[in-house]
Protein backbone atom coordinates (compact mmCIF):
# COMPACT_ATOMS: atom_id res chain seq x y z
CA MET A 1 -9.66 26.68 21.86
CA GLU A 2 -6.24 25.31 22.92
CA LEU A 3 -4.99 22.67 20.54
CA GLN A 4 -3.99 19.29 22.16
CA ARG A 5 -0.41 17.99 21.82
CA VAL A 6 -0.14 14.63 19.87
CA VAL A 7 2.41 11.86 20.62
CA ILE A 8 3.37 8.51 19.17
CA THR A 9 2.99 5.65 21.68
CA GLY A 10 3.02 2.50 19.49
CA MET A 11 4.30 1.20 16.22
CA GLY A 12 3.91 -1.88 14.03
CA ALA A 13 5.31 -2.83 10.66
CA VAL A 14 5.05 -5.53 7.96
CA THR A 15 7.67 -4.73 5.29
CA PRO A 16 9.78 -6.39 2.64
CA ILE A 17 12.74 -6.43 4.97
CA GLY A 18 11.15 -7.39 8.18
CA ASN A 19 7.74 -8.50 9.52
CA ASN A 20 7.83 -6.49 12.68
CA VAL A 21 9.42 -3.23 13.86
CA ASP A 22 12.59 -4.75 15.35
CA GLU A 23 13.22 -6.89 12.27
CA TYR A 24 12.64 -3.79 10.03
CA TRP A 25 15.00 -1.53 12.06
CA ALA A 26 17.77 -4.17 12.14
CA ALA A 27 17.58 -4.65 8.44
CA LEU A 28 17.59 -0.91 7.72
CA LEU A 29 20.81 -0.56 9.73
CA LYS A 30 22.40 -3.35 7.82
CA GLY A 31 21.42 -1.95 4.38
CA VAL A 32 19.49 -5.09 3.51
CA SER A 33 17.76 -5.13 0.17
CA GLY A 34 14.12 -6.32 0.09
CA VAL A 35 14.02 -6.91 -3.66
CA GLY A 36 13.80 -10.29 -5.30
CA PRO A 37 12.22 -12.07 -8.21
CA ILE A 38 8.41 -11.78 -8.18
CA THR A 39 6.70 -14.85 -6.76
CA HIS A 40 3.05 -13.81 -6.60
CA PHE A 41 2.59 -14.45 -10.28
CA ASN A 42 4.62 -15.46 -13.34
CA PRO A 43 6.41 -12.30 -14.53
CA GLU A 44 8.09 -13.90 -17.51
CA LYS A 45 6.34 -11.70 -20.05
CA PHE A 46 6.69 -8.43 -18.09
CA ASP A 47 9.38 -5.77 -18.63
CA THR A 48 9.89 -5.84 -14.81
CA ARG A 49 10.25 -9.20 -13.14
CA PHE A 50 11.26 -8.25 -9.62
CA ALA A 51 9.65 -6.47 -6.66
CA CYS A 52 10.01 -6.02 -2.83
CA GLU A 53 7.57 -8.53 -1.53
CA VAL A 54 6.68 -9.36 2.05
CA LYS A 55 8.48 -12.67 2.87
CA ASN A 56 7.93 -15.49 5.35
CA LEU A 57 4.86 -14.07 6.90
CA ASN A 58 2.64 -16.89 8.13
CA ILE A 59 -0.62 -14.90 8.08
CA THR A 60 -2.60 -17.62 9.97
CA ASP A 61 -0.46 -16.98 13.02
CA PHE A 62 -2.28 -13.72 13.23
CA ILE A 63 -5.69 -14.07 11.41
CA PRO A 64 -7.96 -17.16 11.55
CA LYS A 65 -8.40 -18.89 8.19
CA LYS A 66 -12.14 -18.04 8.27
CA SER A 67 -11.54 -14.40 8.37
CA LEU A 68 -8.93 -14.46 5.67
CA GLN A 69 -11.53 -15.09 2.95
CA ARG A 70 -13.10 -11.74 3.77
CA MET A 71 -9.82 -9.80 3.60
CA ASP A 72 -7.65 -8.68 0.70
CA PRO A 73 -3.90 -9.04 1.36
CA CYS A 74 -3.71 -5.19 2.01
CA ALA A 75 -6.25 -5.56 4.85
CA GLN A 76 -4.31 -8.60 6.13
CA PHE A 77 -1.00 -6.55 6.25
CA ALA A 78 -2.81 -3.60 8.05
CA MET A 79 -4.27 -5.95 10.69
CA VAL A 80 -0.89 -7.57 11.48
CA SER A 81 0.94 -4.21 11.81
CA THR A 82 -1.90 -2.86 13.91
CA MET A 83 -1.80 -5.83 16.26
CA GLU A 84 1.88 -5.10 16.88
CA ALA A 85 1.41 -1.47 17.32
CA LEU A 86 -1.42 -1.87 19.85
CA GLN A 87 0.64 -4.31 21.89
CA ASP A 88 3.65 -1.97 21.68
CA SER A 89 1.50 0.90 23.00
CA GLY A 90 0.49 -0.91 26.19
CA LEU A 91 -3.01 0.44 25.69
CA ASP A 92 -5.46 -1.30 28.09
CA LEU A 93 -8.21 -2.39 25.70
CA GLU A 94 -10.50 -3.14 28.65
CA GLN A 95 -10.15 0.27 30.22
CA VAL A 96 -9.92 2.63 27.28
CA ASN A 97 -13.00 4.46 26.14
CA LYS A 98 -13.54 2.83 22.75
CA GLU A 99 -15.99 5.51 21.62
CA ARG A 100 -12.95 7.88 21.52
CA VAL A 101 -10.55 5.55 19.70
CA GLY A 102 -10.53 5.87 15.92
CA VAL A 103 -8.89 4.16 12.91
CA ILE A 104 -7.70 6.03 9.79
CA ILE A 105 -5.64 4.08 7.36
CA GLY A 106 -4.16 5.24 3.94
CA SER A 107 -4.10 3.03 0.84
CA GLY A 108 -3.52 3.99 -2.72
CA ILE A 109 -5.23 1.11 -4.49
CA GLY A 110 -6.97 -0.82 -1.63
CA GLY A 111 -8.31 -4.26 -2.61
CA PHE A 112 -7.19 -4.06 -6.10
CA THR A 113 -5.67 -7.54 -6.05
CA SER A 114 -9.03 -9.19 -5.17
CA MET A 115 -10.82 -7.25 -7.86
CA MET A 116 -8.24 -8.27 -10.50
CA ASP A 117 -8.31 -11.93 -9.50
CA SER A 118 -12.14 -11.92 -9.60
CA ALA A 119 -12.22 -10.35 -13.02
CA ILE A 120 -9.70 -12.90 -14.38
CA ALA A 121 -11.75 -15.78 -13.01
CA PHE A 122 -14.89 -14.26 -14.58
CA VAL A 123 -13.35 -14.11 -17.96
CA GLU A 124 -11.76 -17.53 -17.72
CA SER A 125 -15.17 -19.05 -16.86
CA ASN A 126 -16.73 -17.83 -20.06
CA ARG A 127 -18.22 -14.88 -18.14
CA ILE A 128 -20.31 -17.03 -15.83
CA PRO A 129 -21.11 -14.75 -12.89
CA ARG A 130 -19.82 -16.86 -10.07
CA PHE A 131 -18.63 -14.13 -7.72
CA SER A 132 -17.78 -14.58 -4.11
CA PRO A 133 -20.20 -12.97 -1.59
CA TYR A 134 -17.10 -11.49 0.01
CA LEU A 135 -15.76 -9.78 -3.16
CA LEU A 136 -16.97 -6.24 -2.49
CA ILE A 137 -15.97 -6.69 1.23
CA LYS A 138 -12.43 -7.45 0.13
CA VAL A 139 -12.28 -4.66 -2.58
CA LEU A 140 -13.75 -1.67 -0.87
CA GLY A 141 -10.98 0.38 0.72
CA ASP A 142 -12.90 1.51 3.77
CA VAL A 143 -13.15 -2.12 4.92
CA ILE A 144 -9.42 -1.99 5.78
CA SER A 145 -10.09 0.35 8.76
CA GLY A 146 -13.33 -1.48 9.29
CA HIS A 147 -11.82 -4.77 10.00
CA ILE A 148 -9.58 -3.21 12.67
CA SER A 149 -12.52 -1.50 14.33
CA LEU A 150 -14.63 -4.60 14.25
CA LYS A 151 -11.92 -6.67 15.86
CA TYR A 152 -11.35 -4.27 18.75
CA GLY A 153 -14.62 -2.54 19.00
CA PHE A 154 -13.18 0.99 18.27
CA GLU A 155 -16.15 3.31 17.75
CA GLY A 156 -14.37 6.58 16.98
CA PRO A 157 -13.65 8.11 13.52
CA ASN A 158 -13.22 5.37 10.99
CA TYR A 159 -12.27 5.74 7.27
CA ILE A 160 -9.40 5.37 4.87
CA THR A 161 -7.64 8.10 2.82
CA SER A 162 -6.61 7.45 -0.77
CA ALA A 163 -4.21 10.01 -2.33
CA ALA A 164 -1.79 7.95 -4.34
CA CYS A 165 1.65 7.95 -2.74
CA ALA A 166 0.57 10.39 -0.06
CA SER A 167 -2.38 8.19 1.24
CA ALA A 168 -0.77 7.26 4.51
CA ALA A 169 0.60 10.86 5.02
CA ASN A 170 -2.99 12.14 4.63
CA ALA A 171 -4.19 9.55 7.09
CA ILE A 172 -1.63 10.51 9.69
CA GLY A 173 -2.40 14.29 9.07
CA ASP A 174 -6.13 13.68 9.51
CA ALA A 175 -5.49 11.70 12.77
CA PHE A 176 -3.20 14.41 14.01
CA HIS A 177 -5.76 17.11 13.44
CA LEU A 178 -8.72 15.24 15.02
CA LEU A 179 -6.55 14.62 18.09
CA GLN A 180 -5.54 18.19 18.22
CA LEU A 181 -9.10 19.25 18.24
CA GLY A 182 -10.02 16.81 20.97
CA LYS A 183 -12.34 14.78 18.73
CA ALA A 184 -10.64 11.55 19.95
CA ASP A 185 -8.22 10.27 22.62
CA VAL A 186 -6.32 7.71 20.51
CA ILE A 187 -6.27 7.06 16.70
CA ILE A 188 -4.74 4.02 14.97
CA THR A 189 -3.32 5.32 11.75
CA GLY A 190 -0.83 4.50 8.99
CA GLY A 191 -0.94 2.81 5.62
CA THR A 192 -1.05 -0.45 3.77
CA GLU A 193 -0.62 -1.72 0.25
CA ALA A 194 -0.69 -5.12 -1.62
CA SER A 195 0.31 -3.95 -5.09
CA VAL A 196 2.59 -6.69 -6.51
CA ASN A 197 0.18 -8.00 -9.00
CA GLU A 198 -0.10 -8.32 -12.85
CA THR A 199 -2.16 -5.22 -13.37
CA ALA A 200 -0.08 -2.93 -11.15
CA ILE A 201 3.28 -4.10 -12.56
CA GLY A 202 1.98 -4.01 -16.14
CA GLY A 203 0.36 -0.59 -15.68
CA PHE A 204 3.40 1.04 -14.17
CA ASN A 205 5.52 -0.60 -16.83
CA ALA A 206 3.35 1.03 -19.47
CA MET A 207 3.96 4.37 -17.83
CA HIS A 208 7.76 3.62 -17.86
CA ALA A 209 7.78 4.24 -14.10
CA LEU A 210 9.29 0.99 -12.91
CA SER A 211 12.94 -0.04 -13.00
CA THR A 212 13.70 -2.73 -15.58
CA ARG A 213 17.10 -3.56 -14.19
CA ASN A 214 16.32 -7.30 -14.28
CA ASP A 215 19.99 -8.27 -14.52
CA ASP A 216 20.92 -6.37 -11.29
CA TYR A 217 17.63 -6.13 -9.38
CA VAL A 218 19.28 -6.01 -5.93
CA HIS A 219 20.60 -2.58 -6.81
CA ALA A 220 17.65 -1.46 -8.91
CA SER A 221 16.07 0.90 -6.27
CA ARG A 222 18.77 3.57 -6.22
CA PRO A 223 17.36 6.99 -5.17
CA PHE A 224 19.36 9.97 -6.49
CA ASP A 225 21.73 7.82 -8.39
CA ARG A 226 22.77 9.09 -11.85
CA ASP A 227 21.72 5.87 -13.47
CA ARG A 228 18.38 5.45 -11.65
CA ASP A 229 15.74 4.13 -14.11
CA GLY A 230 12.55 3.94 -12.02
CA PHE A 231 11.06 2.68 -8.79
CA VAL A 232 10.74 -0.81 -7.47
CA MET A 233 7.27 -2.00 -6.39
CA GLY A 234 6.91 -2.79 -2.70
CA GLU A 235 4.20 -4.09 -0.39
CA GLY A 236 3.34 -4.11 3.29
CA ALA A 237 1.90 -1.86 6.00
CA ALA A 238 2.90 0.25 8.95
CA THR A 239 0.75 1.48 11.95
CA LEU A 240 1.31 4.31 14.33
CA ILE A 241 -0.64 4.72 17.59
CA LEU A 242 -1.24 8.51 17.94
CA GLU A 243 -2.53 9.76 21.21
CA ARG A 244 -3.26 13.02 22.98
CA LEU A 245 -0.32 13.85 25.27
CA ASP A 246 -2.47 14.21 28.31
CA HIS A 247 -4.09 10.90 27.76
CA ALA A 248 -0.73 9.14 27.18
CA LEU A 249 0.75 10.69 30.35
CA ALA A 250 -2.30 9.85 32.42
CA ARG A 251 -1.82 6.10 31.66
CA GLY A 252 1.93 6.24 31.94
CA ALA A 253 2.57 5.36 28.30
CA ARG A 254 6.01 5.11 26.69
CA ILE A 255 6.34 7.96 24.23
CA TYR A 256 8.38 7.72 21.14
CA GLY A 257 8.03 11.25 19.96
CA GLU A 258 5.75 14.14 19.31
CA LEU A 259 4.05 15.02 16.09
CA CYS A 260 4.33 18.76 15.89
CA GLY A 261 3.20 19.96 12.43
CA ILE A 262 1.64 18.96 9.10
CA GLY A 263 1.84 20.62 5.72
CA MET A 264 -0.36 19.72 2.77
CA THR A 265 -0.23 21.03 -0.82
CA ALA A 266 -1.15 19.96 -4.30
CA ASP A 267 1.23 19.78 -7.24
CA THR A 268 -0.70 20.88 -10.31
CA TYR A 269 2.15 20.71 -12.77
CA HIS A 270 1.25 17.29 -14.39
CA ILE A 271 -0.97 14.26 -13.69
CA THR A 272 2.08 12.16 -12.76
CA ALA A 273 5.30 14.28 -12.97
CA PRO A 274 6.25 16.69 -10.22
CA ALA A 275 6.97 20.34 -10.90
CA PRO A 276 10.70 20.52 -11.92
CA ASP A 277 11.37 23.34 -9.39
CA GLY A 278 9.74 21.29 -6.53
CA HIS A 279 7.72 24.44 -5.47
CA SER A 280 4.74 22.46 -4.09
CA ALA A 281 6.95 20.10 -2.05
CA SER A 282 8.85 23.09 -0.76
CA ALA A 283 5.57 24.79 0.23
CA SER A 284 4.43 21.70 2.02
CA MET A 285 7.64 21.56 4.04
CA ARG A 286 7.35 25.29 4.93
CA LEU A 287 3.81 24.78 6.09
CA ALA A 288 4.72 21.91 8.28
CA MET A 289 7.57 23.85 9.95
CA GLN A 290 5.25 26.80 10.42
CA ASP A 291 2.54 24.51 11.95
CA GLY A 292 5.10 23.05 14.27
CA GLY A 293 6.82 26.19 15.31
CA ILE A 294 10.14 24.93 14.00
CA ARG A 295 12.82 26.99 12.22
CA PRO A 296 14.51 25.53 9.21
CA GLU A 297 17.90 25.48 10.93
CA GLU A 298 16.46 23.28 13.67
CA VAL A 299 15.66 20.41 11.27
CA ASP A 300 18.23 17.61 11.57
CA TYR A 301 17.14 14.84 9.28
CA ILE A 302 14.79 14.15 6.38
CA ASN A 303 13.81 10.69 5.16
CA MET A 304 12.99 11.75 1.58
CA HIS A 305 10.32 10.36 -0.68
CA GLY A 306 13.14 9.26 -3.01
CA THR A 307 11.51 6.70 -5.19
CA SER A 308 14.45 6.32 -7.65
CA THR A 309 12.60 7.99 -10.62
CA PRO A 310 14.60 10.41 -12.73
CA GLN A 311 12.16 13.38 -12.45
CA GLY A 312 10.98 12.85 -8.90
CA ASP A 313 14.34 12.56 -7.12
CA LEU A 314 15.69 15.65 -8.84
CA ALA A 315 12.61 17.78 -8.02
CA GLU A 316 12.81 16.72 -4.40
CA CYS A 317 16.46 17.67 -4.11
CA ILE A 318 15.72 21.09 -5.60
CA ALA A 319 12.75 21.57 -3.23
CA ILE A 320 14.91 20.82 -0.16
CA GLN A 321 17.68 23.18 -1.43
CA ASN A 322 15.09 25.92 -1.96
CA THR A 323 13.45 25.32 1.44
CA PHE A 324 16.57 25.10 3.57
CA GLY A 325 19.12 27.13 1.73
CA ASP A 326 22.69 26.86 3.13
CA HIS A 327 21.30 24.64 5.95
CA ALA A 328 20.56 21.92 3.32
CA SER A 329 24.20 21.00 3.27
CA ARG A 330 24.04 20.15 6.99
CA LEU A 331 20.95 17.99 6.88
CA LEU A 332 21.04 14.25 7.08
CA LEU A 333 19.13 13.02 4.06
CA ASN A 334 18.42 9.51 2.83
CA SER A 335 15.61 7.37 1.27
CA THR A 336 14.80 3.98 2.84
CA LYS A 337 13.10 3.00 -0.41
CA SER A 338 16.56 1.88 -1.61
CA MET A 339 15.83 -1.05 0.68
CA THR A 340 12.06 -1.40 1.00
CA GLY A 341 11.07 -0.35 -2.49
CA HIS A 342 8.08 1.96 -3.01
CA LEU A 343 5.02 0.83 -1.14
CA LEU A 344 2.80 3.40 -2.89
CA GLY A 345 0.13 4.65 -0.49
CA ALA A 346 1.67 2.81 2.48
CA GLY A 347 5.09 4.44 1.81
CA PRO A 348 4.69 7.49 4.05
CA ALA A 349 3.78 5.27 7.03
CA ILE A 350 6.74 3.02 6.59
CA ASP A 351 9.06 6.05 6.03
CA ARG A 352 7.72 7.99 8.89
CA GLY A 353 7.84 5.19 11.40
CA HIS A 354 11.58 4.33 11.37
CA PRO A 355 13.09 7.55 12.72
CA GLN A 356 11.04 6.99 15.92
CA VAL A 357 12.20 3.41 16.50
CA HIS A 358 15.36 3.99 18.39
CA PRO A 359 16.07 7.71 18.75
CA ALA A 360 19.20 6.93 20.72
CA GLN A 361 20.92 5.55 17.66
CA HIS A 362 22.12 8.56 15.77
CA ARG A 363 22.87 7.15 12.41
CA PRO A 364 20.90 7.12 9.12
CA PRO A 365 20.45 3.64 7.66
CA ASP A 366 23.01 2.35 5.19
CA HIS A 367 21.94 2.08 1.57
CA GLN A 368 21.98 -0.99 -0.60
CA HIS A 369 22.23 0.79 -4.01
CA ARG A 370 25.51 1.54 -5.74
CA ALA A 371 25.96 5.25 -6.10
CA SER A 372 27.41 6.36 -9.51
CA GLY A 373 27.03 10.13 -9.42
CA ARG A 374 25.29 13.06 -7.99
CA THR A 375 21.83 13.92 -9.29
CA HIS A 376 21.75 17.64 -8.70
CA PRO A 377 24.60 20.22 -8.36
CA ALA A 378 22.95 21.49 -5.17
CA ARG A 379 25.16 21.42 -2.13
CA LEU A 380 23.96 18.03 -0.92
CA GLU A 381 26.62 15.58 0.19
CA LEU A 382 26.39 12.12 -1.41
CA LEU A 383 27.35 9.23 0.96
CA HIS A 384 27.67 5.63 -0.22
CA ARG A 385 27.52 2.92 2.53
CA ARG A 386 29.25 5.58 4.64
CA PRO A 387 26.86 6.57 7.44
CA ARG A 388 27.54 10.01 8.89
CA THR A 389 27.08 10.36 12.63
CA THR A 390 25.22 13.49 13.98
CA PRO A 391 26.03 15.52 17.07
CA TYR A 392 22.41 15.93 17.87
CA GLN A 393 21.06 14.28 20.98
CA HIS A 394 17.57 12.91 21.56
CA ARG A 395 15.51 15.63 23.27
CA PRO A 396 13.32 14.70 26.13
CA LEU A 397 9.59 15.28 25.51
CA GLN A 398 9.34 18.22 27.84
CA LEU A 399 11.76 20.15 25.65
CA LEU A 400 9.73 19.61 22.52
CA ARG A 401 7.36 22.48 21.67
CA VAL A 402 4.34 22.61 19.46
CA ARG A 403 4.21 26.37 18.85
CA ARG A 404 6.25 29.40 19.65
CA PRO A 405 4.55 32.32 21.42
């Protein structure tokens, strides 16, 4: 069986630095920081009092008030980003075979905010069980993709993936594989998270995972910096429209790029900490390149996970050095989490979307954080607000290849 080629034909985004793809891209290039004081609740008693919240999003411009009572904020973010992605794709919703259009979304904690709010109300009411009939509809993660399918009538594969910070990556990987196998023509995929709430901030504070740089929160998210002290919580969503190449060409779709390979591994070193030598991350990168028929020296750019945690950033740098060897010094590397914060399960979708936005602009985004030293003695060049141009040119689709003979 010949595997189908898979391309990206649409994108949408709701982020702490922009509520659509164009705003997001412009803010990335300017090095805008999305961090600010927490407004979703009173953080006065918390160790961390700042986060990267979505700003100035008038949700009723996109979703009727009657529908909002059935949707957790994470489902709302996903719906808004999907609406943009579908419009961007130019997909004719009247002509497309909806039985062959799927929805696969990743989310680490799903409707956690709605569950927490309901539990607080229950306790404050002296445990009188006055629950909303919509509570479980808002809490259950699979309703995120369900809302999208119900709105548009998509009857293909429909579910969510939940794998902590890899949730959206797993969703994109599943969508890729289903399209390769011809199980669908189009799949709406990506990730969403609404995790700026008391329990999430308090829980990650208890794990000593969040930055507590309250006196300089604008520069708190500083991946790879010597003085990094933890990640900054973010929220939002990103959606990609993945499509079989033949289907996209038949309808004359604009194609942003081709998804060529996927690699998946598990890090069994610790429940939260990565293996210090980064061997699982390295194995995943090697599997992805093998799947896509790409040699290490052909890789130009990596938008790293780079959450600004002491252990994670170091392990990732080591993994890249071990994977690419001498070529690592020629790679363009950065982490856009210095601007967006860490969107947990939605992070991979936000991170994966931006390199496809304007491939003609050969420049990695500026960074907002202040660099104070190199993390790892590996031969990785540290640039501080000094974008390096690359000689690589955008390659037309016909020159991209899925596999080598």
